[in-house]
């Protein structure tokens, strides 16, 4: 089992992961390579992780409520304002997968960057160049601003 507080508590960049390996042979093989490929723990990462696991659960619950609300906002907004785009139901993530194939552009990632000023993950990096990933782990206001800009760019592109 591999885990990290960076995803659970949204504290990316602290470089603290851990693993539980009950199989002694596998654990020995991992330890043998650890000094060659795995980073070592630093004091800041340890302190941040300890604080998250001991004091961060209330904040974590609020984070989950916010992420669920933001995810629903994205799904509803796209259905209402950008019906030619399609979202796929996602769980356990703060990334919305959006199918933009109906736009008729070669690269939706580039289209939204250049025409809306919205930087989305390029779906080509994940096997589908007609899709983008939108990170909705932000404030509702910033999310609405980005989606409004995407809507306006699509309207202009379609001549609406």
Protein backbone atom coordinates (compact mmCIF):
# COMPACT_ATOMS: atom_id res chain seq x y z
CA UNK A 1 0.00 0.00 0.00
CA UNK A 2 1.37 3.37 -0.99
CA UNK A 3 0.01 6.61 0.41
CA UNK A 4 0.81 10.28 0.85
CA UNK A 5 -0.78 13.17 2.74
CA UNK A 6 -0.13 15.40 -0.26
CA UNK A 7 -3.26 14.19 -2.07
CA UNK A 8 -5.49 13.62 0.95
CA UNK A 9 -4.81 17.04 2.47
CA UNK A 10 -3.96 18.99 -0.69
CA UNK A 11 -0.39 19.76 0.42
CA UNK A 12 1.41 18.91 -2.78
CA UNK A 13 5.14 19.38 -2.93
CA UNK A 14 6.01 18.24 0.57
CA UNK A 15 7.64 15.05 -0.77
CA UNK A 16 6.37 12.65 1.85
CA UNK A 17 5.10 9.26 0.80
CA UNK A 18 5.01 6.05 2.70
CA UNK A 19 4.33 2.41 2.06
CA UNK A 20 3.21 -0.60 4.02
CA UNK A 21 4.74 -3.79 2.63
CA UNK A 22 3.79 -6.90 4.61
CA UNK A 23 5.72 -9.22 2.27
CA UNK A 24 9.24 -9.44 3.75
CA UNK A 25 10.90 -10.39 0.46
CA UNK A 26 9.33 -7.50 -1.43
CA UNK A 27 10.09 -5.11 1.45
CA UNK A 28 13.78 -6.15 1.36
CA UNK A 29 13.92 -5.53 -2.40
CA UNK A 30 12.41 -2.08 -1.94
CA UNK A 31 14.86 -1.20 0.83
CA UNK A 32 17.74 -2.31 -1.37
CA UNK A 33 16.79 0.22 -4.06
CA UNK A 34 15.54 2.96 -1.75
CA UNK A 35 18.84 4.79 -1.49
CA UNK A 36 19.12 4.90 -5.27
CA UNK A 37 15.71 6.07 -6.35
CA UNK A 38 13.47 7.14 -3.48
CA UNK A 39 13.73 10.55 -1.80
CA UNK A 40 14.44 10.84 1.88
CA UNK A 41 12.10 12.48 4.36
CA UNK A 42 12.78 16.07 5.36
CA UNK A 43 11.79 17.81 8.61
CA UNK A 44 9.27 20.13 6.94
CA UNK A 45 7.49 17.25 5.22
CA UNK A 46 7.35 15.30 8.49
CA UNK A 47 5.95 18.29 10.42
CA UNK A 48 3.35 19.07 7.74
CA UNK A 49 2.25 15.45 7.56
CA UNK A 50 2.05 15.08 11.31
CA UNK A 51 -0.06 18.23 11.55
CA UNK A 52 -2.33 17.07 8.74
CA UNK A 53 -2.93 13.63 10.22
CA UNK A 54 -3.40 14.83 13.80
CA UNK A 55 -5.17 18.19 13.33
CA UNK A 56 -6.42 18.28 9.75
CA UNK A 57 -9.47 16.05 9.60
CA UNK A 58 -12.05 18.79 10.14
CA UNK A 59 -10.39 20.83 7.40
CA UNK A 60 -10.33 17.69 5.22
CA UNK A 61 -14.09 17.23 5.61
CA UNK A 62 -14.65 20.85 4.56
CA UNK A 63 -12.32 20.33 1.60
CA UNK A 64 -14.36 17.31 0.47
CA UNK A 65 -17.62 19.28 0.75
CA UNK A 66 -16.10 22.10 -1.31
CA UNK A 67 -14.73 19.72 -3.94
CA UNK A 68 -18.06 17.92 -4.27
CA UNK A 69 -19.88 21.24 -4.68
CA UNK A 70 -17.32 22.45 -7.23
CA UNK A 71 -17.55 19.17 -9.18
CA UNK A 72 -21.34 19.49 -9.33
CA UNK A 73 -21.03 23.13 -10.36
CA UNK A 74 -18.75 22.16 -13.28
CA UNK A 75 -21.11 19.39 -14.42
CA UNK A 76 -24.19 21.64 -14.18
CA UNK A 77 -22.45 24.63 -15.79
CA UNK A 78 -21.22 22.62 -18.76
CA UNK A 79 -24.63 20.98 -19.27
CA UNK A 80 -26.32 24.40 -19.20
CA UNK A 81 -23.79 26.75 -20.84
CA UNK A 82 -21.58 24.46 -22.94
CA UNK A 83 -23.89 21.60 -23.97
CA UNK A 84 -21.66 20.57 -26.87
CA UNK A 85 -19.03 19.52 -24.32
CA UNK A 86 -19.44 16.35 -22.29
CA UNK A 87 -18.24 15.61 -18.79
CA UNK A 88 -17.61 12.12 -17.50
CA UNK A 89 -18.65 11.20 -13.98
CA UNK A 90 -15.54 11.20 -11.81
CA UNK A 91 -15.09 10.14 -8.22
CA UNK A 92 -12.13 10.51 -5.89
CA UNK A 93 -10.53 13.32 -7.86
CA UNK A 94 -10.54 17.08 -8.20
CA UNK A 95 -10.13 16.88 -11.96
CA UNK A 96 -13.04 17.05 -14.41
CA UNK A 97 -12.55 15.13 -17.66
CA UNK A 98 -14.21 17.08 -20.48
CA UNK A 99 -14.79 15.73 -23.98
CA UNK A 100 -14.47 18.61 -26.45
CA UNK A 101 -14.68 16.64 -29.70
CA UNK A 102 -17.85 18.48 -30.79
CA UNK A 103 -15.90 21.77 -30.94
CA UNK A 104 -14.13 20.69 -34.09
CA UNK A 105 -10.73 22.01 -33.04
CA UNK A 106 -7.48 20.10 -33.37
CA UNK A 107 -6.38 20.73 -29.79
CA UNK A 108 -8.96 21.80 -27.21
CA UNK A 109 -6.11 22.32 -24.75
CA UNK A 110 -4.52 24.90 -27.07
CA UNK A 111 -7.89 26.38 -28.05
CA UNK A 112 -8.84 27.22 -24.46
CA UNK A 113 -5.37 28.48 -23.59
CA UNK A 114 -5.22 30.82 -26.57
CA UNK A 115 -8.87 31.93 -26.71
CA UNK A 116 -9.99 31.87 -23.08
CA UNK A 117 -6.74 32.23 -21.14
CA UNK A 118 -7.65 29.00 -19.33
CA UNK A 119 -4.88 26.45 -18.89
CA UNK A 120 -6.24 22.91 -18.84
CA UNK A 121 -4.40 19.59 -18.86
CA UNK A 122 -3.99 18.29 -22.37
CA UNK A 123 -6.04 15.14 -22.86
CA UNK A 124 -3.47 13.91 -25.38
CA UNK A 125 -1.15 13.26 -22.43
CA UNK A 126 -3.77 10.84 -21.10
CA UNK A 127 -4.70 9.12 -24.35
CA UNK A 128 -7.46 11.34 -25.74
CA UNK A 129 -6.43 14.51 -27.62
CA UNK A 130 -10.06 15.69 -27.84
CA UNK A 131 -10.39 15.91 -24.07
CA UNK A 132 -9.10 18.26 -21.39
CA UNK A 133 -8.80 17.97 -17.62
CA UNK A 134 -10.03 20.88 -15.53
CA UNK A 135 -8.75 21.21 -11.97
CA UNK A 136 -11.74 22.31 -9.88
CA UNK A 137 -9.85 22.43 -6.57
CA UNK A 138 -10.11 26.19 -6.39
CA UNK A 139 -12.50 28.83 -5.14
CA UNK A 140 -16.00 28.82 -6.63
CA UNK A 141 -15.36 32.36 -7.89
CA UNK A 142 -12.22 31.40 -9.79
CA UNK A 143 -13.97 28.32 -11.16
CA UNK A 144 -16.85 30.42 -12.48
CA UNK A 145 -14.45 32.94 -14.02
CA UNK A 146 -12.62 30.19 -15.90
CA UNK A 147 -15.80 28.50 -17.07
CA UNK A 148 -17.26 31.85 -18.19
CA UNK A 149 -14.13 32.50 -20.23
CA UNK A 150 -14.38 29.03 -21.78
CA UNK A 151 -18.07 29.63 -22.60
CA UNK A 152 -17.30 32.98 -24.22
CA UNK A 153 -14.48 31.46 -26.31
CA UNK A 154 -16.76 28.65 -27.51
CA UNK A 155 -19.55 31.08 -28.38
CA UNK A 156 -17.14 33.19 -30.41
CA UNK A 157 -15.71 30.08 -32.11
CA UNK A 158 -19.18 28.85 -33.05
CA UNK A 159 -20.34 32.30 -34.13
CA UNK A 160 -23.07 32.45 -31.51
